[in-house]
Amino acid sequence: MRIVRRPGAFVCGIDAAMDVIGGKWKVLILWALNERTCRFGELRRAVTGVTEKVLSSHLKELEDDGIVHREVYAEVPPRVEYSLTPLGLSLNAALEPLGLWGREHIYRGAEEAGGGVDAGVGIDPGSGIRAGVGAGADCEAEPQVVAGLGRG
């Protein structure tokens, strides 16, 4: 099922993992699919800023890597849904510590830079993330960006 794009070129496990999740939007796609199955339009709304072409390309790559499952329903109009495979769920679990590090690092950086975080930014001091981000997020809700981490 896995299509190796660079056979034999991996230096270590991190290199192999980055080959799968590399790209500006793949981790955000994984985040959006973490809670529930989504249709293409729902994913496009959840991953604000991604173009249809890039989203389609990333979904195809994630499908080729065995991370995302694409289910096509024989209906009129056609319906396609995307979900995480067990491998995709394990990848999200592996990314959780990285997300925690990022939240702690950004929060700490904001404190050091200005002696605190502006109340208007919406940071939860306990977690260092904006309100609305978390395991219960749904695909139709617009994802919130961690303060200081734009998508540009």
N, C-alpha and C. Protein backbone atom coordinates (compact mmCIF):
# COMPACT_ATOMS: atom_id res chain seq x y z
N MET A 1 0.83 -1.18 0.00
CA MET A 1 0.00 0.00 0.00
C MET A 1 0.88 1.25 0.00
N ARG A 2 1.98 1.27 0.70
CA ARG A 2 2.85 2.44 0.79
C ARG A 2 3.65 2.60 -0.49
N ILE A 3 3.59 3.79 -1.04
CA ILE A 3 4.40 4.11 -2.21
C ILE A 3 5.62 4.86 -1.70
N VAL A 4 6.77 4.26 -1.84
CA VAL A 4 8.00 4.90 -1.37
C VAL A 4 8.48 5.85 -2.45
N ARG A 5 8.49 7.13 -2.11
CA ARG A 5 8.88 8.14 -3.09
C ARG A 5 10.39 8.22 -3.26
N ARG A 6 11.13 7.89 -2.20
CA ARG A 6 12.59 7.94 -2.25
C ARG A 6 13.15 6.65 -1.70
N PRO A 7 13.06 5.57 -2.45
CA PRO A 7 13.51 4.28 -1.91
C PRO A 7 14.98 4.31 -1.51
N GLY A 8 15.23 3.88 -0.28
CA GLY A 8 16.60 3.78 0.21
C GLY A 8 17.24 5.09 0.59
N ALA A 9 16.53 6.21 0.45
CA ALA A 9 17.13 7.51 0.71
C ALA A 9 16.90 8.01 2.13
N PHE A 10 16.17 7.27 2.95
CA PHE A 10 15.88 7.74 4.30
C PHE A 10 17.10 7.56 5.19
N VAL A 11 17.43 8.61 5.91
CA VAL A 11 18.57 8.60 6.80
C VAL A 11 18.17 8.03 8.16
N CYS A 12 16.94 8.33 8.58
CA CYS A 12 16.46 7.88 9.89
C CYS A 12 14.93 7.87 9.86
N GLY A 13 14.35 7.48 10.99
CA GLY A 13 12.89 7.43 11.09
C GLY A 13 12.24 8.79 10.95
N ILE A 14 12.88 9.82 11.47
CA ILE A 14 12.33 11.17 11.35
C ILE A 14 12.24 11.56 9.87
N ASP A 15 13.28 11.23 9.13
CA ASP A 15 13.30 11.52 7.69
C ASP A 15 12.13 10.82 6.99
N ALA A 16 11.89 9.57 7.33
CA ALA A 16 10.79 8.82 6.72
C ALA A 16 9.44 9.42 7.12
N ALA A 17 9.29 9.81 8.38
CA ALA A 17 8.04 10.41 8.85
C ALA A 17 7.81 11.76 8.17
N MET A 18 8.84 12.55 8.03
CA MET A 18 8.69 13.86 7.38
C MET A 18 8.33 13.71 5.91
N ASP A 19 8.75 12.62 5.29
CA ASP A 19 8.36 12.36 3.91
C ASP A 19 6.85 12.18 3.81
N VAL A 20 6.25 11.59 4.84
CA VAL A 20 4.80 11.37 4.85
C VAL A 20 4.03 12.65 5.20
N ILE A 21 4.49 13.40 6.20
CA ILE A 21 3.73 14.56 6.68
C ILE A 21 4.26 15.88 6.15
N GLY A 22 5.32 15.83 5.35
CA GLY A 22 5.88 17.06 4.80
C GLY A 22 4.88 17.78 3.92
N GLY A 23 4.97 19.06 3.91
CA GLY A 23 4.02 19.87 3.15
C GLY A 23 3.31 20.81 4.11
N LYS A 24 2.91 21.92 3.59
CA LYS A 24 2.33 22.97 4.43
C LYS A 24 1.03 22.57 5.10
N TRP A 25 0.25 21.70 4.48
CA TRP A 25 -1.11 21.46 4.93
C TRP A 25 -1.39 20.07 5.48
N LYS A 26 -0.50 19.12 5.31
CA LYS A 26 -0.81 17.73 5.65
C LYS A 26 -1.14 17.54 7.13
N VAL A 27 -0.41 18.17 8.00
CA VAL A 27 -0.68 18.00 9.44
C VAL A 27 -2.03 18.59 9.79
N LEU A 28 -2.40 19.70 9.15
CA LEU A 28 -3.71 20.29 9.41
C LEU A 28 -4.84 19.41 8.87
N ILE A 29 -4.59 18.74 7.78
CA ILE A 29 -5.57 17.78 7.24
C ILE A 29 -5.74 16.63 8.23
N LEU A 30 -4.63 16.12 8.75
CA LEU A 30 -4.69 15.05 9.75
C LEU A 30 -5.46 15.51 10.98
N TRP A 31 -5.21 16.73 11.42
CA TRP A 31 -5.90 17.28 12.58
C TRP A 31 -7.41 17.33 12.33
N ALA A 32 -7.80 17.80 11.13
CA ALA A 32 -9.22 17.93 10.82
C ALA A 32 -9.91 16.58 10.75
N LEU A 33 -9.19 15.55 10.31
CA LEU A 33 -9.78 14.21 10.19
C LEU A 33 -9.68 13.41 11.49
N ASN A 34 -9.05 13.97 12.49
CA ASN A 34 -8.82 13.22 13.73
C ASN A 34 -10.11 12.82 14.43
N GLU A 35 -11.11 13.67 14.37
CA GLU A 35 -12.33 13.41 15.13
C GLU A 35 -13.42 12.68 14.35
N ARG A 36 -13.51 12.98 13.05
CA ARG A 36 -14.61 12.36 12.30
C ARG A 36 -14.30 12.36 10.81
N THR A 37 -15.07 11.60 10.10
CA THR A 37 -15.01 11.53 8.65
C THR A 37 -15.51 12.84 8.08
N CYS A 38 -14.83 13.33 7.03
CA CYS A 38 -15.21 14.60 6.40
C CYS A 38 -15.29 14.45 4.89
N ARG A 39 -16.18 15.22 4.31
CA ARG A 39 -16.23 15.33 2.86
C ARG A 39 -15.22 16.39 2.43
N PHE A 40 -14.93 16.44 1.13
CA PHE A 40 -13.91 17.35 0.61
C PHE A 40 -14.20 18.80 0.99
N GLY A 41 -15.43 19.24 0.80
CA GLY A 41 -15.79 20.62 1.11
C GLY A 41 -15.62 20.95 2.58
N GLU A 42 -15.94 19.99 3.45
CA GLU A 42 -15.76 20.20 4.88
C GLU A 42 -14.28 20.36 5.21
N LEU A 43 -13.45 19.53 4.58
CA LEU A 43 -12.00 19.65 4.80
C LEU A 43 -11.50 20.99 4.30
N ARG A 44 -11.97 21.42 3.17
CA ARG A 44 -11.51 22.69 2.61
C ARG A 44 -11.86 23.84 3.54
N ARG A 45 -13.04 23.79 4.15
CA ARG A 45 -13.41 24.83 5.11
C ARG A 45 -12.62 24.71 6.40
N ALA A 46 -12.32 23.50 6.82
CA ALA A 46 -11.60 23.29 8.07
C ALA A 46 -10.14 23.71 7.97
N VAL A 47 -9.55 23.52 6.81
CA VAL A 47 -8.15 23.88 6.60
C VAL A 47 -8.14 25.19 5.82
N THR A 48 -8.36 26.26 6.53
CA THR A 48 -8.50 27.58 5.94
C THR A 48 -7.25 27.97 5.17
N GLY A 49 -7.45 28.39 3.92
CA GLY A 49 -6.34 28.87 3.11
C GLY A 49 -5.82 27.88 2.09
N VAL A 50 -6.14 26.61 2.23
CA VAL A 50 -5.67 25.61 1.28
C VAL A 50 -6.50 25.69 0.01
N THR A 51 -5.83 25.55 -1.13
CA THR A 51 -6.55 25.55 -2.39
C THR A 51 -7.10 24.15 -2.67
N GLU A 52 -8.08 24.06 -3.55
CA GLU A 52 -8.66 22.76 -3.89
C GLU A 52 -7.60 21.85 -4.51
N LYS A 53 -6.76 22.41 -5.35
CA LYS A 53 -5.73 21.62 -6.02
C LYS A 53 -4.75 21.03 -5.01
N VAL A 54 -4.29 21.84 -4.08
CA VAL A 54 -3.33 21.37 -3.08
C VAL A 54 -3.99 20.37 -2.14
N LEU A 55 -5.21 20.65 -1.70
CA LEU A 55 -5.91 19.72 -0.82
C LEU A 55 -6.09 18.38 -1.51
N SER A 56 -6.51 18.40 -2.76
CA SER A 56 -6.69 17.16 -3.51
C SER A 56 -5.37 16.40 -3.62
N SER A 57 -4.31 17.11 -3.92
CA SER A 57 -2.99 16.49 -4.06
C SER A 57 -2.51 15.88 -2.74
N HIS A 58 -2.66 16.63 -1.65
CA HIS A 58 -2.23 16.12 -0.35
C HIS A 58 -3.08 14.92 0.08
N LEU A 59 -4.37 14.96 -0.16
CA LEU A 59 -5.23 13.82 0.18
C LEU A 59 -4.81 12.58 -0.60
N LYS A 60 -4.48 12.76 -1.87
CA LYS A 60 -4.03 11.63 -2.70
C LYS A 60 -2.72 11.05 -2.15
N GLU A 61 -1.78 11.91 -1.78
CA GLU A 61 -0.51 11.44 -1.22
C GLU A 61 -0.73 10.72 0.10
N LEU A 62 -1.60 11.27 0.97
CA LEU A 62 -1.88 10.63 2.25
C LEU A 62 -2.60 9.30 2.04
N GLU A 63 -3.45 9.23 1.03
CA GLU A 63 -4.11 7.97 0.69
C GLU A 63 -3.09 6.95 0.20
N ASP A 64 -2.18 7.38 -0.68
CA ASP A 64 -1.14 6.48 -1.19
C ASP A 64 -0.24 5.96 -0.07
N ASP A 65 -0.04 6.78 0.96
CA ASP A 65 0.80 6.39 2.09
C ASP A 65 0.06 5.55 3.12
N GLY A 66 -1.24 5.33 2.90
CA GLY A 66 -2.02 4.51 3.83
C GLY A 66 -2.46 5.25 5.08
N ILE A 67 -2.43 6.58 5.05
CA ILE A 67 -2.80 7.40 6.21
C ILE A 67 -4.28 7.77 6.17
N VAL A 68 -4.79 8.03 4.98
CA VAL A 68 -6.17 8.46 4.79
C VAL A 68 -6.91 7.43 3.95
N HIS A 69 -8.16 7.17 4.32
CA HIS A 69 -9.03 6.29 3.55
C HIS A 69 -10.03 7.14 2.80
N ARG A 70 -10.20 6.87 1.52
CA ARG A 70 -11.15 7.59 0.67
C ARG A 70 -12.29 6.63 0.32
N GLU A 71 -13.49 6.98 0.74
CA GLU A 71 -14.67 6.15 0.49
C GLU A 71 -15.56 6.85 -0.53
N VAL A 72 -15.80 6.17 -1.65
CA VAL A 72 -16.65 6.72 -2.70
C VAL A 72 -17.99 5.99 -2.66
N TYR A 73 -19.06 6.77 -2.58
CA TYR A 73 -20.41 6.20 -2.53
C TYR A 73 -21.05 6.33 -3.90
N ALA A 74 -21.67 5.26 -4.36
CA ALA A 74 -22.32 5.24 -5.67
C ALA A 74 -23.70 5.88 -5.55
N GLU A 75 -23.70 7.20 -5.51
CA GLU A 75 -24.93 7.96 -5.38
C GLU A 75 -24.94 9.05 -6.44
N VAL A 76 -26.10 9.64 -6.63
CA VAL A 76 -26.20 10.80 -7.50
C VAL A 76 -26.74 11.94 -6.64
N PRO A 77 -26.00 13.00 -6.45
CA PRO A 77 -24.64 13.24 -6.92
C PRO A 77 -23.64 12.38 -6.14
N PRO A 78 -22.47 12.14 -6.73
CA PRO A 78 -21.46 11.31 -6.06
C PRO A 78 -21.03 11.92 -4.71
N ARG A 79 -20.75 11.06 -3.78
CA ARG A 79 -20.31 11.49 -2.45
C ARG A 79 -19.01 10.77 -2.13
N VAL A 80 -18.03 11.54 -1.67
CA VAL A 80 -16.74 11.00 -1.28
C VAL A 80 -16.45 11.47 0.14
N GLU A 81 -16.03 10.55 1.01
CA GLU A 81 -15.69 10.89 2.38
C GLU A 81 -14.27 10.43 2.68
N TYR A 82 -13.61 11.20 3.51
CA TYR A 82 -12.23 10.90 3.91
C TYR A 82 -12.19 10.65 5.40
N SER A 83 -11.40 9.65 5.78
CA SER A 83 -11.22 9.34 7.19
C SER A 83 -9.79 8.86 7.40
N LEU A 84 -9.38 8.80 8.65
CA LEU A 84 -8.05 8.30 8.96
C LEU A 84 -8.08 6.79 9.07
N THR A 85 -7.04 6.15 8.58
CA THR A 85 -6.87 4.72 8.75
C THR A 85 -6.27 4.49 10.14
N PRO A 86 -6.17 3.25 10.60
CA PRO A 86 -5.48 3.01 11.87
C PRO A 86 -4.04 3.55 11.85
N LEU A 87 -3.38 3.47 10.70
CA LEU A 87 -2.03 4.04 10.59
C LEU A 87 -2.08 5.56 10.75
N GLY A 88 -3.10 6.19 10.19
CA GLY A 88 -3.27 7.63 10.33
C GLY A 88 -3.54 8.03 11.77
N LEU A 89 -4.36 7.26 12.46
CA LEU A 89 -4.62 7.53 13.87
C LEU A 89 -3.34 7.39 14.70
N SER A 90 -2.52 6.41 14.37
CA SER A 90 -1.26 6.24 15.12
C SER A 90 -0.30 7.39 14.80
N LEU A 91 -0.34 7.90 13.58
CA LEU A 91 0.49 9.05 13.23
C LEU A 91 0.05 10.28 14.01
N ASN A 92 -1.26 10.51 14.13
CA ASN A 92 -1.75 11.64 14.93
C ASN A 92 -1.32 11.50 16.38
N ALA A 93 -1.37 10.27 16.90
CA ALA A 93 -0.93 10.05 18.29
C ALA A 93 0.56 10.38 18.43
N ALA A 94 1.35 10.05 17.42
CA ALA A 94 2.78 10.35 17.46
C ALA A 94 3.03 11.85 17.35
N LEU A 95 2.13 12.59 16.71
CA LEU A 95 2.30 14.03 16.55
C LEU A 95 1.85 14.82 17.78
N GLU A 96 1.07 14.20 18.68
CA GLU A 96 0.58 14.90 19.87
C GLU A 96 1.70 15.51 20.70
N PRO A 97 2.80 14.79 21.00
CA PRO A 97 3.87 15.43 21.78
C PRO A 97 4.50 16.63 21.06
N LEU A 98 4.56 16.59 19.76
CA LEU A 98 5.09 17.71 19.00
C LEU A 98 4.15 18.92 19.13
N GLY A 99 2.85 18.69 19.06
CA GLY A 99 1.88 19.75 19.26
C GLY A 99 1.97 20.35 20.65
N LEU A 100 2.14 19.51 21.65
CA LEU A 100 2.29 19.99 23.02
C LEU A 100 3.53 20.86 23.14
N TRP A 101 4.63 20.40 22.57
CA TRP A 101 5.87 21.19 22.60
C TRP A 101 5.64 22.54 21.93
N GLY A 102 4.96 22.54 20.79
CA GLY A 102 4.70 23.79 20.08
C GLY A 102 3.87 24.76 20.90
N ARG A 103 2.81 24.25 21.55
CA ARG A 103 1.98 25.12 22.38
C ARG A 103 2.78 25.70 23.54
N GLU A 104 3.57 24.86 24.20
CA GLU A 104 4.38 25.35 25.33
C GLU A 104 5.43 26.35 24.86
N HIS A 105 6.06 26.08 23.73
CA HIS A 105 7.10 26.95 23.21
C HIS A 105 6.52 28.31 22.82
N ILE A 106 5.40 28.33 22.12
CA ILE A 106 4.79 29.59 21.70
C ILE A 106 4.34 30.38 22.91
N TYR A 107 3.73 29.74 23.89
CA TYR A 107 3.26 30.44 25.08
C TYR A 107 4.45 31.03 25.84
N ARG A 108 5.50 30.25 26.01
CA ARG A 108 6.68 30.71 26.71
C ARG A 108 7.31 31.89 25.96
N GLY A 109 7.38 31.80 24.64
CA GLY A 109 7.94 32.87 23.83
C GLY A 109 7.15 34.16 23.95
N ALA A 110 5.83 34.05 24.04
CA ALA A 110 4.98 35.23 24.18
C ALA A 110 5.19 35.87 25.55
N GLU A 111 5.36 35.07 26.58
CA GLU A 111 5.61 35.61 27.92
C GLU A 111 6.94 36.34 27.97
N GLU A 112 7.99 35.74 27.38
CA GLU A 112 9.32 36.33 27.41
C GLU A 112 9.36 37.62 26.60
N ALA A 113 8.64 37.67 25.50
CA ALA A 113 8.68 38.84 24.62
C ALA A 113 7.95 40.04 25.21
N GLY A 114 6.80 39.80 25.84
CA GLY A 114 6.01 40.94 26.29
C GLY A 114 5.58 40.86 27.73
N GLY A 115 6.09 39.93 28.48
CA GLY A 115 5.70 39.80 29.87
C GLY A 115 4.30 39.24 30.05
N GLY A 116 3.75 38.66 29.02
CA GLY A 116 2.42 38.08 29.11
C GLY A 116 1.78 38.06 27.74
N VAL A 117 0.62 37.45 27.67
CA VAL A 117 -0.09 37.33 26.41
C VAL A 117 -1.26 38.28 26.43
N ASP A 118 -1.46 39.00 25.34
CA ASP A 118 -2.57 39.92 25.22
C ASP A 118 -3.88 39.16 25.39
N ALA A 119 -4.74 39.68 26.22
CA ALA A 119 -6.00 38.99 26.50
C ALA A 119 -6.86 38.83 25.25
N GLY A 120 -6.68 39.70 24.26
CA GLY A 120 -7.48 39.61 23.06
C GLY A 120 -7.08 38.48 22.13
N VAL A 121 -5.95 37.84 22.38
CA VAL A 121 -5.47 36.79 21.50
C VAL A 121 -6.24 35.50 21.74
N GLY A 122 -6.77 35.29 22.93
CA GLY A 122 -7.57 34.10 23.19
C GLY A 122 -6.75 32.91 23.63
N ILE A 123 -5.64 33.13 24.29
CA ILE A 123 -4.80 32.04 24.77
C ILE A 123 -5.33 31.53 26.10
N ASP A 124 -5.42 30.23 26.22
CA ASP A 124 -5.75 29.60 27.49
C ASP A 124 -4.44 29.40 28.23
N PRO A 125 -4.22 30.12 29.37
CA PRO A 125 -2.93 30.03 30.05
C PRO A 125 -2.54 28.62 30.45
N GLY A 126 -3.51 27.76 30.69
CA GLY A 126 -3.19 26.39 31.08
C GLY A 126 -2.61 25.55 29.95
N SER A 127 -2.98 25.88 28.72
CA SER A 127 -2.54 25.05 27.62
C SER A 127 -1.69 25.78 26.60
N GLY A 128 -1.79 27.11 26.56
CA GLY A 128 -1.04 27.85 25.57
C GLY A 128 -1.66 27.80 24.19
N ILE A 129 -2.94 27.42 24.11
CA ILE A 129 -3.58 27.36 22.80
C ILE A 129 -4.81 28.25 22.81
N ARG A 130 -5.24 28.62 21.63
CA ARG A 130 -6.43 29.43 21.53
C ARG A 130 -7.66 28.60 21.88
N ALA A 131 -8.63 29.26 22.42
CA ALA A 131 -9.89 28.58 22.72
C ALA A 131 -10.46 27.99 21.44
N GLY A 132 -11.03 26.81 21.52
CA GLY A 132 -11.65 26.19 20.36
C GLY A 132 -10.79 25.11 19.73
N VAL A 133 -9.54 25.03 20.10
CA VAL A 133 -8.66 24.00 19.54
C VAL A 133 -8.64 22.85 20.51
N GLY A 134 -8.78 21.65 20.01
CA GLY A 134 -8.71 20.51 20.90
C GLY A 134 -9.30 19.28 20.28
N ALA A 135 -9.34 18.24 21.07
CA ALA A 135 -9.77 16.94 20.58
C ALA A 135 -11.22 16.94 20.14
N GLY A 136 -12.03 17.84 20.68
CA GLY A 136 -13.44 17.83 20.34
C GLY A 136 -13.78 18.67 19.11
N ALA A 137 -12.79 19.22 18.45
CA ALA A 137 -13.05 20.08 17.30
C ALA A 137 -13.73 19.29 16.19
N ASP A 138 -14.59 19.96 15.45
CA ASP A 138 -15.26 19.25 14.36
C ASP A 138 -14.84 19.85 13.03
N CYS A 139 -14.97 19.09 11.98
CA CYS A 139 -14.44 19.47 10.67
C CYS A 139 -15.06 20.74 10.12
N GLU A 140 -16.30 21.03 10.51
CA GLU A 140 -16.94 22.20 9.94
C GLU A 140 -16.56 23.47 10.67
N ALA A 141 -15.99 23.34 11.87
CA ALA A 141 -15.55 24.52 12.60
C ALA A 141 -14.22 24.98 12.03
N GLU A 142 -14.06 26.28 11.93
CA GLU A 142 -12.80 26.80 11.40
C GLU A 142 -11.70 26.56 12.43
N PRO A 143 -10.57 25.98 12.03
CA PRO A 143 -9.52 25.73 12.99
C PRO A 143 -8.91 27.03 13.46
N GLN A 144 -8.56 27.08 14.72
CA GLN A 144 -7.91 28.24 15.28
C GLN A 144 -6.40 28.08 15.15
N VAL A 145 -5.71 29.17 15.01
CA VAL A 145 -4.27 29.12 14.84
C VAL A 145 -3.62 29.47 16.17
N VAL A 146 -2.60 28.73 16.56
CA VAL A 146 -1.87 29.02 17.78
C VAL A 146 -1.24 30.38 17.60
N ALA A 147 -1.31 31.23 18.64
CA ALA A 147 -0.77 32.57 18.55
C ALA A 147 0.66 32.55 18.08
N GLY A 148 0.96 33.36 17.10
CA GLY A 148 2.32 33.45 16.58
C GLY A 148 2.62 32.46 15.48
N LEU A 149 1.72 31.52 15.24
CA LEU A 149 1.95 30.53 14.19
C LEU A 149 0.94 30.78 13.08
N GLY A 150 1.28 31.61 12.16
CA GLY A 150 0.41 31.83 11.02
C GLY A 150 0.55 30.68 10.04
N ARG A 151 -0.27 30.67 9.04
CA ARG A 151 -0.19 29.63 8.04
C ARG A 151 0.52 30.13 6.80
N GLY A 152 1.10 31.30 6.84
CA GLY A 152 1.73 31.89 5.66
C GLY A 152 3.08 31.48 5.50
